[in-house]
Amino acid sequence: TAEQLHTALARCGDDALEKRVAAAYPGYPGRKAALRM
């Protein structure tokens, strides 16, 4: 889920990481895009 991914990516130490990765998954934080991510 987007909530779980936010927690996981925030812990990777890069504040811009979630924004960078999300841009590669059109439709995020929607369910299908979050599942693929």
Full PDB file with SEQRES, HELIX, SHEET, SSBOND, CRYST1, ORIGX, SCALE, CONECT and MASTER records, all heavy atoms in Angstrom:
SEQRES   1 A   37  THR ALA GLU GLN LEU HIS THR ALA LEU ALA ARG CYS GLY          
SEQRES   2 A   37  ASP ASP ALA LEU GLU LYS ARG VAL ALA ALA ALA TYR PRO          
SEQRES   3 A   37  GLY TYR PRO GLY ARG LYS ALA ALA LEU ARG MET                  
HELIX    1 AA1 ALA A    2  ALA A   10  1                                   9    
HELIX    2 AA2 LEU A   17  ALA A   22  1                                   6    
HELIX    3 AA3 ARG A   31  ARG A   36  1                                   6    
CRYST1    1.000    1.000    1.000  90.00  90.00  90.00 P 1           1          
ORIGX1      1.000000  0.000000  0.000000        0.00000                         
ORIGX2      0.000000  1.000000  0.000000        0.00000                         
ORIGX3      0.000000  0.000000  1.000000        0.00000                         
SCALE1      1.000000  0.000000  0.000000        0.00000                         
SCALE2      0.000000  1.000000  0.000000        0.00000                         
SCALE3      0.000000  0.000000  1.000000        0.00000                         
ATOM      1  N   THR A   1       0.853  -1.183   0.000  1.00  0.00           N  
ATOM      2  CA  THR A   1       0.000   0.000   0.000  1.00  0.00           C  
ATOM      3  C   THR A   1       0.892   1.238   0.000  1.00  0.00           C  
ATOM      4  O   THR A   1       2.078   1.183   0.382  1.00  0.00           O  
ATOM      5  CB  THR A   1      -0.908   0.044   1.238  1.00  0.00           C  
ATOM      6  OG1 THR A   1      -0.095   0.236   2.410  1.00  0.00           O  
ATOM      7  CG2 THR A   1      -1.707  -1.248   1.378  1.00  0.00           C  
ATOM      8  N   ALA A   2       0.318   2.363  -0.395  1.00  0.00           N  
ATOM      9  CA  ALA A   2       1.082   3.608  -0.404  1.00  0.00           C  
ATOM     10  C   ALA A   2       1.577   3.956   0.995  1.00  0.00           C  
ATOM     11  O   ALA A   2       2.690   4.468   1.165  1.00  0.00           O  
ATOM     12  CB  ALA A   2       0.228   4.731  -0.976  1.00  0.00           C  
ATOM     13  N   GLU A   3       0.758   3.668   2.006  1.00  0.00           N  
ATOM     14  CA  GLU A   3       1.165   3.978   3.382  1.00  0.00           C  
ATOM     15  C   GLU A   3       2.384   3.150   3.784  1.00  0.00           C  
ATOM     16  O   GLU A   3       3.351   3.666   4.359  1.00  0.00           O  
ATOM     17  CB  GLU A   3       0.003   3.697   4.343  1.00  0.00           C  
ATOM     18  CG  GLU A   3       0.326   4.019   5.794  1.00  0.00           C  
ATOM     19  CD  GLU A   3      -0.834   3.704   6.728  1.00  0.00           C  
ATOM     20  OE1 GLU A   3      -1.833   3.105   6.260  1.00  0.00           O  
ATOM     21  OE2 GLU A   3      -0.734   4.059   7.911  1.00  0.00           O  
ATOM     22  N   GLN A   4       2.361   1.846   3.495  1.00  0.00           N  
ATOM     23  CA  GLN A   4       3.492   0.993   3.829  1.00  0.00           C  
ATOM     24  C   GLN A   4       4.741   1.394   3.041  1.00  0.00           C  
ATOM     25  O   GLN A   4       5.855   1.404   3.574  1.00  0.00           O  
ATOM     26  CB  GLN A   4       3.145  -0.468   3.540  1.00  0.00           C  
ATOM     27  CG  GLN A   4       2.112  -1.068   4.474  1.00  0.00           C  
ATOM     28  CD  GLN A   4       1.687  -2.453   4.013  1.00  0.00           C  
ATOM     29  OE1 GLN A   4       1.467  -2.701   2.829  1.00  0.00           O  
ATOM     30  NE2 GLN A   4       1.581  -3.372   4.955  1.00  0.00           N  
ATOM     31  N   LEU A   5       4.548   1.718   1.759  1.00  0.00           N  
ATOM     32  CA  LEU A   5       5.684   2.116   0.937  1.00  0.00           C  
ATOM     33  C   LEU A   5       6.285   3.431   1.418  1.00  0.00           C  
ATOM     34  O   LEU A   5       7.514   3.607   1.411  1.00  0.00           O  
ATOM     35  CB  LEU A   5       5.255   2.222  -0.524  1.00  0.00           C  
ATOM     36  CG  LEU A   5       5.084   0.875  -1.233  1.00  0.00           C  
ATOM     37  CD1 LEU A   5       4.231   1.020  -2.486  1.00  0.00           C  
ATOM     38  CD2 LEU A   5       6.445   0.273  -1.584  1.00  0.00           C  
ATOM     39  N   HIS A   6       5.442   4.336   1.862  1.00  0.00           N  
ATOM     40  CA  HIS A   6       5.952   5.597   2.410  1.00  0.00           C  
ATOM     41  C   HIS A   6       6.862   5.322   3.605  1.00  0.00           C  
ATOM     42  O   HIS A   6       7.961   5.895   3.721  1.00  0.00           O  
ATOM     43  CB  HIS A   6       4.786   6.499   2.817  1.00  0.00           C  
ATOM     44  CG  HIS A   6       5.218   7.732   3.547  1.00  0.00           C  
ATOM     45  ND1 HIS A   6       5.822   8.797   2.919  1.00  0.00           N  
ATOM     46  CD2 HIS A   6       5.162   8.044   4.873  1.00  0.00           C  
ATOM     47  CE1 HIS A   6       6.120   9.724   3.819  1.00  0.00           C  
ATOM     48  NE2 HIS A   6       5.722   9.293   5.005  1.00  0.00           N  
ATOM     49  N   THR A   7       6.420   4.424   4.495  1.00  0.00           N  
ATOM     50  CA  THR A   7       7.229   4.083   5.668  1.00  0.00           C  
ATOM     51  C   THR A   7       8.546   3.436   5.254  1.00  0.00           C  
ATOM     52  O   THR A   7       9.618   3.789   5.766  1.00  0.00           O  
ATOM     53  CB  THR A   7       6.445   3.132   6.590  1.00  0.00           C  
ATOM     54  OG1 THR A   7       5.233   3.762   6.999  1.00  0.00           O  
ATOM     55  CG2 THR A   7       7.261   2.754   7.818  1.00  0.00           C  
ATOM     56  N   ALA A   8       8.472   2.494   4.313  1.00  0.00           N  
ATOM     57  CA  ALA A   8       9.677   1.782   3.886  1.00  0.00           C  
ATOM     58  C   ALA A   8      10.663   2.722   3.206  1.00  0.00           C  
ATOM     59  O   ALA A   8      11.876   2.700   3.498  1.00  0.00           O  
ATOM     60  CB  ALA A   8       9.292   0.636   2.948  1.00  0.00           C  
ATOM     61  N   LEU A   9      10.175   3.548   2.307  1.00  0.00           N  
ATOM     62  CA  LEU A   9      11.070   4.417   1.550  1.00  0.00           C  
ATOM     63  C   LEU A   9      11.627   5.542   2.412  1.00  0.00           C  
ATOM     64  O   LEU A   9      12.778   5.957   2.235  1.00  0.00           O  
ATOM     65  CB  LEU A   9      10.343   4.984   0.333  1.00  0.00           C  
ATOM     66  CG  LEU A   9       9.941   3.935  -0.722  1.00  0.00           C  
ATOM     67  CD1 LEU A   9       9.107   4.569  -1.828  1.00  0.00           C  
ATOM     68  CD2 LEU A   9      11.165   3.248  -1.301  1.00  0.00           C  
ATOM     69  N   ALA A  10      10.842   6.009   3.356  1.00  0.00           N  
ATOM     70  CA  ALA A  10      11.337   7.055   4.255  1.00  0.00           C  
ATOM     71  C   ALA A  10      12.519   6.550   5.067  1.00  0.00           C  
ATOM     72  O   ALA A  10      13.441   7.318   5.398  1.00  0.00           O  
ATOM     73  CB  ALA A  10      10.221   7.524   5.180  1.00  0.00           C  
ATOM     74  N   ARG A  11      12.510   5.274   5.376  1.00  0.00           N  
ATOM     75  CA  ARG A  11      13.600   4.696   6.171  1.00  0.00           C  
ATOM     76  C   ARG A  11      14.858   4.428   5.357  1.00  0.00           C  
ATOM     77  O   ARG A  11      15.899   4.070   5.910  1.00  0.00           O  
ATOM     78  CB  ARG A  11      13.132   3.406   6.835  1.00  0.00           C  
ATOM     79  CG  ARG A  11      12.057   3.611   7.895  1.00  0.00           C  
ATOM     80  CD  ARG A  11      11.640   2.305   8.543  1.00  0.00           C  
ATOM     81  NE  ARG A  11      12.786   1.616   9.105  1.00  0.00           N  
ATOM     82  CZ  ARG A  11      13.274   0.472   8.649  1.00  0.00           C  
ATOM     83  NH1 ARG A  11      12.718  -0.123   7.599  1.00  0.00           N  
ATOM     84  NH2 ARG A  11      14.318  -0.090   9.208  1.00  0.00           N  
ATOM     85  N   CYS A  12      14.781   4.581   4.036  1.00  0.00           N  
ATOM     86  CA  CYS A  12      15.960   4.359   3.197  1.00  0.00           C  
ATOM     87  C   CYS A  12      16.927   5.534   3.247  1.00  0.00           C  
ATOM     88  O   CYS A  12      18.003   5.465   2.658  1.00  0.00           O  
ATOM     89  CB  CYS A  12      15.539   4.085   1.753  1.00  0.00           C  
ATOM     90  SG  CYS A  12      14.750   2.486   1.528  1.00  0.00           S  
ATOM     91  N   GLY A  13      16.543   6.632   3.889  1.00  0.00           N  
ATOM     92  CA  GLY A  13      17.473   7.712   4.153  1.00  0.00           C  
ATOM     93  C   GLY A  13      17.527   8.800   3.108  1.00  0.00           C  
ATOM     94  O   GLY A  13      18.378   9.688   3.175  1.00  0.00           O  
ATOM     95  N   ASP A  14      16.641   8.776   2.120  1.00  0.00           N  
ATOM     96  CA  ASP A  14      16.645   9.792   1.073  1.00  0.00           C  
ATOM     97  C   ASP A  14      15.273  10.447   1.053  1.00  0.00           C  
ATOM     98  O   ASP A  14      14.285   9.820   0.669  1.00  0.00           O  
ATOM     99  CB  ASP A  14      16.960   9.136  -0.280  1.00  0.00           C  
ATOM    100  CG  ASP A  14      17.032  10.135  -1.423  1.00  0.00           C  
ATOM    101  OD1 ASP A  14      16.675  11.311  -1.234  1.00  0.00           O  
ATOM    102  OD2 ASP A  14      17.438   9.725  -2.515  1.00  0.00           O  
ATOM    103  N   ASP A  15      15.193  11.708   1.459  1.00  0.00           N  
ATOM    104  CA  ASP A  15      13.906  12.394   1.562  1.00  0.00           C  
ATOM    105  C   ASP A  15      13.207  12.517   0.212  1.00  0.00           C  
ATOM    106  O   ASP A  15      11.974  12.573   0.146  1.00  0.00           O  
ATOM    107  CB  ASP A  15      14.091  13.794   2.165  1.00  0.00           C  
ATOM    108  CG  ASP A  15      14.519  13.738   3.617  1.00  0.00           C  
ATOM    109  OD1 ASP A  15      14.295  12.691   4.255  1.00  0.00           O  
ATOM    110  OD2 ASP A  15      15.090  14.729   4.110  1.00  0.00           O  
ATOM    111  N   ALA A  16      13.988  12.551  -0.864  1.00  0.00           N  
ATOM    112  CA  ALA A  16      13.390  12.717  -2.190  1.00  0.00           C  
ATOM    113  C   ALA A  16      13.087  11.383  -2.865  1.00  0.00           C  
ATOM    114  O   ALA A  16      12.555  11.362  -3.983  1.00  0.00           O  
ATOM    115  CB  ALA A  16      14.334  13.534  -3.080  1.00  0.00           C  
ATOM    116  N   LEU A  17      13.410  10.277  -2.188  1.00  0.00           N  
ATOM    117  CA  LEU A  17      13.314   8.978  -2.850  1.00  0.00           C  
ATOM    118  C   LEU A  17      11.886   8.636  -3.256  1.00  0.00           C  
ATOM    119  O   LEU A  17      11.638   8.219  -4.397  1.00  0.00           O  
ATOM    120  CB  LEU A  17      13.870   7.885  -1.930  1.00  0.00           C  
ATOM    121  CG  LEU A  17      13.761   6.455  -2.459  1.00  0.00           C  
ATOM    122  CD1 LEU A  17      14.534   6.296  -3.756  1.00  0.00           C  
ATOM    123  CD2 LEU A  17      14.276   5.468  -1.416  1.00  0.00           C  
ATOM    124  N   GLU A  18      10.938   8.788  -2.345  1.00  0.00           N  
ATOM    125  CA  GLU A  18       9.569   8.394  -2.674  1.00  0.00           C  
ATOM    126  C   GLU A  18       9.046   9.193  -3.869  1.00  0.00           C  
ATOM    127  O   GLU A  18       8.401   8.632  -4.767  1.00  0.00           O  
ATOM    128  CB  GLU A  18       8.643   8.582  -1.477  1.00  0.00           C  
ATOM    129  CG  GLU A  18       7.221   8.084  -1.762  1.00  0.00           C  
ATOM    130  CD  GLU A  18       6.316   8.171  -0.543  1.00  0.00           C  
ATOM    131  OE1 GLU A  18       6.743   8.739   0.480  1.00  0.00           O  
ATOM    132  OE2 GLU A  18       5.177   7.678  -0.627  1.00  0.00           O  
ATOM    133  N   LYS A  19       9.340  10.466  -3.914  1.00  0.00           N  
ATOM    134  CA  LYS A  19       8.889  11.294  -5.035  1.00  0.00           C  
ATOM    135  C   LYS A  19       9.524  10.822  -6.342  1.00  0.00           C  
ATOM    136  O   LYS A  19       8.853  10.733  -7.378  1.00  0.00           O  
ATOM    137  CB  LYS A  19       9.233  12.749  -4.766  1.00  0.00           C  
ATOM    138  CG  LYS A  19       8.724  13.712  -5.829  1.00  0.00           C  
ATOM    139  CD  LYS A  19       9.021  15.151  -5.447  1.00  0.00           C  
ATOM    140  CE  LYS A  19       8.509  16.107  -6.517  1.00  0.00           C  
ATOM    141  NZ  LYS A  19       8.801  17.530  -6.162  1.00  0.00           N  
ATOM    142  N   ARG A  20      10.809  10.505  -6.283  1.00  0.00           N  
ATOM    143  CA  ARG A  20      11.515  10.038  -7.475  1.00  0.00           C  
ATOM    144  C   ARG A  20      10.956   8.728  -7.986  1.00  0.00           C  
ATOM    145  O   ARG A  20      10.702   8.555  -9.184  1.00  0.00           O  
ATOM    146  CB  ARG A  20      13.003   9.896  -7.145  1.00  0.00           C  
ATOM    147  CG  ARG A  20      13.880   9.525  -8.329  1.00  0.00           C  
ATOM    148  CD  ARG A  20      15.325   9.394  -7.895  1.00  0.00           C  
ATOM    149  NE  ARG A  20      15.645   8.050  -7.438  1.00  0.00           N  
ATOM    150  CZ  ARG A  20      16.521   7.757  -6.481  1.00  0.00           C  
ATOM    151  NH1 ARG A  20      17.128   8.728  -5.820  1.00  0.00           N  
ATOM    152  NH2 ARG A  20      16.769   6.505  -6.156  1.00  0.00           N  
ATOM    153  N   VAL A  21      10.759   7.771  -7.077  1.00  0.00           N  
ATOM    154  CA  VAL A  21      10.252   6.465  -7.478  1.00  0.00           C  
ATOM    155  C   VAL A  21       8.805   6.576  -7.934  1.00  0.00           C  
ATOM    156  O   VAL A  21       8.411   5.986  -8.955  1.00  0.00           O  
ATOM    157  CB  VAL A  21      10.393   5.449  -6.325  1.00  0.00           C  
ATOM    158  CG1 VAL A  21       9.728   4.120  -6.683  1.00  0.00           C  
ATOM    159  CG2 VAL A  21      11.869   5.212  -6.000  1.00  0.00           C  
ATOM    160  N   ALA A  22       7.983   7.329  -7.211  1.00  0.00           N  
ATOM    161  CA  ALA A  22       6.570   7.452  -7.555  1.00  0.00           C  
ATOM    162  C   ALA A  22       6.378   7.997  -8.963  1.00  0.00           C  
ATOM    163  O   ALA A  22       5.432   7.610  -9.666  1.00  0.00           O  
ATOM    164  CB  ALA A  22       5.866   8.340  -6.541  1.00  0.00           C  
ATOM    165  N   ALA A  23       7.280   8.860  -9.399  1.00  0.00           N  
ATOM    166  CA  ALA A  23       7.160   9.436 -10.741  1.00  0.00           C  
ATOM    167  C   ALA A  23       7.282   8.372 -11.831  1.00  0.00           C  
ATOM    168  O   ALA A  23       6.795   8.564 -12.952  1.00  0.00           O  
ATOM    169  CB  ALA A  23       8.220  10.508 -10.936  1.00  0.00           C  
ATOM    170  N   ALA A  24       7.923   7.241 -11.508  1.00  0.00           N  
ATOM    171  CA  ALA A  24       8.084   6.162 -12.480  1.00  0.00           C  
ATOM    172  C   ALA A  24       6.891   5.208 -12.492  1.00  0.00           C  
ATOM    173  O   ALA A  24       6.858   4.278 -13.311  1.00  0.00           O  
ATOM    174  CB  ALA A  24       9.362   5.386 -12.183  1.00  0.00           C  
ATOM    175  N   TYR A  25       5.917   5.427 -11.590  1.00  0.00           N  
ATOM    176  CA  TYR A  25       4.754   4.545 -11.488  1.00  0.00           C  
ATOM    177  C   TYR A  25       3.488   5.377 -11.665  1.00  0.00           C  
ATOM    178  O   TYR A  25       2.891   5.827 -10.676  1.00  0.00           O  
ATOM    179  CB  TYR A  25       4.743   3.822 -10.139  1.00  0.00           C  
ATOM    180  CG  TYR A  25       5.844   2.790 -10.011  1.00  0.00           C  
ATOM    181  CD1 TYR A  25       7.135   3.167  -9.649  1.00  0.00           C  
ATOM    182  CD2 TYR A  25       5.602   1.451 -10.279  1.00  0.00           C  
ATOM    183  CE1 TYR A  25       8.159   2.238  -9.544  1.00  0.00           C  
ATOM    184  CE2 TYR A  25       6.622   0.505 -10.173  1.00  0.00           C  
ATOM    185  CZ  TYR A  25       7.891   0.913  -9.813  1.00  0.00           C  
ATOM    186  OH  TYR A  25       8.900  -0.023  -9.721  1.00  0.00           O  
ATOM    187  N   PRO A  26       3.061   5.612 -12.908  1.00  0.00           N  
ATOM    188  CA  PRO A  26       1.855   6.411 -13.145  1.00  0.00           C  
ATOM    189  C   PRO A  26       0.661   5.851 -12.370  1.00  0.00           C  
ATOM    190  O   PRO A  26       0.448   4.638 -12.329  1.00  0.00           O  
ATOM    191  CB  PRO A  26       1.647   6.277 -14.653  1.00  0.00           C  
ATOM    192  CG  PRO A  26       3.008   5.991 -15.203  1.00  0.00           C  
ATOM    193  CD  PRO A  26       3.691   5.149 -14.150  1.00  0.00           C  
ATOM    194  N   GLY A  27      -0.086   6.741 -11.748  1.00  0.00           N  
ATOM    195  CA  GLY A  27      -1.243   6.324 -10.958  1.00  0.00           C  
ATOM    196  C   GLY A  27      -0.968   6.199  -9.482  1.00  0.00           C  
ATOM    197  O   GLY A  27      -1.904   6.050  -8.682  1.00  0.00           O  
ATOM    198  N   TYR A  28       0.318   6.208  -9.061  1.00  0.00           N  
ATOM    199  CA  TYR A  28       0.642   6.146  -7.635  1.00  0.00           C  
ATOM    200  C   TYR A  28       0.167   7.429  -6.964  1.00  0.00           C  
ATOM    201  O   TYR A  28       0.317   8.506  -7.532  1.00  0.00           O  
ATOM    202  CB  TYR A  28       2.155   5.982  -7.458  1.00  0.00           C  
ATOM    203  CG  TYR A  28       2.593   5.777  -6.038  1.00  0.00           C  
ATOM    204  CD1 TYR A  28       2.514   4.514  -5.461  1.00  0.00           C  
ATOM    205  CD2 TYR A  28       3.059   6.837  -5.267  1.00  0.00           C  
ATOM    206  CE1 TYR A  28       2.910   4.315  -4.145  1.00  0.00           C  
ATOM    207  CE2 TYR A  28       3.443   6.649  -3.952  1.00  0.00           C  
ATOM    208  CZ  TYR A  28       3.361   5.382  -3.399  1.00  0.00           C  
ATOM    209  OH  TYR A  28       3.749   5.186  -2.091  1.00  0.00           O  
ATOM    210  N   PRO A  29      -0.449   7.372  -5.781  1.00  0.00           N  
ATOM    211  CA  PRO A  29      -0.523   6.261  -4.831  1.00  0.00           C  
ATOM    212  C   PRO A  29      -1.733   5.340  -4.981  1.00  0.00           C  
ATOM    213  O   PRO A  29      -2.167   4.727  -3.992  1.00  0.00           O  
ATOM    214  CB  PRO A  29      -0.563   6.984  -3.488  1.00  0.00           C  
ATOM    215  CG  PRO A  29      -1.329   8.243  -3.785  1.00  0.00           C  
ATOM    216  CD  PRO A  29      -0.951   8.631  -5.183  1.00  0.00           C  
ATOM    217  N   GLY A  30      -2.274   5.219  -6.178  1.00  0.00           N  
ATOM    218  CA  GLY A  30      -3.384   4.304  -6.388  1.00  0.00           C  
ATOM    219  C   GLY A  30      -2.994   2.859  -6.133  1.00  0.00           C  
ATOM    220  O   GLY A  30      -1.811   2.497  -6.134  1.00  0.00           O  
ATOM    221  N   ARG A  31      -3.997   2.017  -5.936  1.00  0.00           N  
ATOM    222  CA  ARG A  31      -3.766   0.634  -5.507  1.00  0.00           C  
ATOM    223  C   ARG A  31      -2.901  -0.153  -6.483  1.00  0.00           C  
ATOM    224  O   ARG A  31      -1.938  -0.820  -6.083  1.00  0.00           O  
ATOM    225  CB  ARG A  31      -5.120  -0.060  -5.322  1.00  0.00           C  
ATOM    226  CG  ARG A  31      -5.034  -1.548  -5.000  1.00  0.00           C  
ATOM    227  CD  ARG A  31      -6.413  -2.157  -4.814  1.00  0.00           C  
ATOM    228  NE  ARG A  31      -6.353  -3.605  -4.790  1.00  0.00           N  
ATOM    229  CZ  ARG A  31      -6.374  -4.378  -5.866  1.00  0.00           C  
ATOM    230  NH1 ARG A  31      -6.454  -3.816  -7.063  1.00  0.00           N  
ATOM    231  NH2 ARG A  31      -6.318  -5.683  -5.768  1.00  0.00           N  
ATOM    232  N   LYS A  32      -3.224  -0.094  -7.775  1.00  0.00           N  
ATOM    233  CA  LYS A  32      -2.484  -0.911  -8.746  1.00  0.00           C  
ATOM    234  C   LYS A  32      -1.034  -0.476  -8.849  1.00  0.00           C  
ATOM    235  O   LYS A  32      -0.126  -1.305  -8.902  1.00  0.00           O  
ATOM    236  CB  LYS A  32      -3.167  -0.845 -10.113  1.00  0.00           C  
ATOM    237  CG  LYS A  32      -4.483  -1.602 -10.185  1.00  0.00           C  
ATOM    238  CD  LYS A  32      -5.044  -1.608 -11.603  1.00  0.00           C  
ATOM    239  CE  LYS A  32      -6.333  -2.414 -11.674  1.00  0.00           C  
ATOM    240  NZ  LYS A  32      -6.895  -2.416 -13.065  1.00  0.00           N  
ATOM    241  N   ALA A  33      -0.810   0.831  -8.877  1.00  0.00           N  
ATOM    242  CA  ALA A  33       0.559   1.316  -8.956  1.00  0.00           C  
ATOM    243  C   ALA A  33       1.340   0.972  -7.688  1.00  0.00           C  
ATOM    244  O   ALA A  33       2.535   0.624  -7.750  1.00  0.00           O  
ATOM    245  CB  ALA A  33       0.565   2.823  -9.190  1.00  0.00           C  
ATOM    246  N   ALA A  34       0.691   1.050  -6.520  1.00  0.00           N  
ATOM    247  CA  ALA A  34       1.366   0.709  -5.269  1.00  0.00           C  
ATOM    248  C   ALA A  34       1.734  -0.770  -5.231  1.00  0.00           C  
ATOM    249  O   ALA A  34       2.815  -1.139  -4.753  1.00  0.00           O  
ATOM    250  CB  ALA A  34       0.480   1.068  -4.073  1.00  0.00           C  
ATOM    251  N   LEU A  35       0.830  -1.616  -5.745  1.00  0.00           N  
ATOM    252  CA  LEU A  35       1.136  -3.044  -5.792  1.00  0.00           C  
ATOM    253  C   LEU A  35       2.367  -3.307  -6.656  1.00  0.00           C  
ATOM    254  O   LEU A  35       3.259  -4.081  -6.286  1.00  0.00           O  
ATOM    255  CB  LEU A  35      -0.059  -3.825  -6.340  1.00  0.00           C  
ATOM    256  CG  LEU A  35      -1.169  -4.159  -5.354  1.00  0.00           C  
ATOM    257  CD1 LEU A  35      -2.367  -4.755  -6.096  1.00  0.00           C  
ATOM    258  CD2 LEU A  35      -0.681  -5.133  -4.293  1.00  0.00           C  
ATOM    259  N   ARG A  36       2.405  -2.694  -7.838  1.00  0.00           N  
ATOM    260  CA  ARG A  36       3.564  -2.892  -8.705  1.00  0.00           C  
ATOM    261  C   ARG A  36       4.834  -2.354  -8.045  1.00  0.00           C  
ATOM    262  O   ARG A  36       5.891  -2.984  -8.096  1.00  0.00           O  
ATOM    263  CB  ARG A  36       3.319  -2.210 -10.054  1.00  0.00           C  
ATOM    264  CG  ARG A  36       4.455  -2.364 -11.062  1.00  0.00           C  
ATOM    265  CD  ARG A  36       4.666  -3.808 -11.498  1.00  0.00           C  
ATOM    266  NE  ARG A  36       3.494  -4.362 -12.117  1.00  0.00           N  
ATOM    267  CZ  ARG A  36       3.166  -4.211 -13.411  1.00  0.00           C  
ATOM    268  NH1 ARG A  36       3.931  -3.484 -14.194  1.00  0.00           N  
ATOM    269  NH2 ARG A  36       2.093  -4.786 -13.905  1.00  0.00           N  
ATOM    270  N   MET A  37       4.733  -1.200  -7.419  1.00  0.00           N  
ATOM    271  CA  MET A  37       5.900  -0.619  -6.764  1.00  0.00           C  
ATOM    272  C   MET A  37       6.392  -1.516  -5.624  1.00  0.00           C  
ATOM    273  O   MET A  37       7.595  -1.745  -5.458  1.00  0.00           O  
ATOM    274  CB  MET A  37       5.581   0.777  -6.234  1.00  0.00           C  
ATOM    275  CG  MET A  37       6.812   1.495  -5.690  1.00  0.00           C  
ATOM    276  SD  MET A  37       6.412   3.026  -4.789  1.00  0.00           S  
ATOM    277  CE  MET A  37       5.825   4.050  -6.133  1.00  0.00           C  
TER     278      MET A  37                                                      
MASTER        0    0    0    3    0    0    0    6  277    1    0    3          
END                                                                             
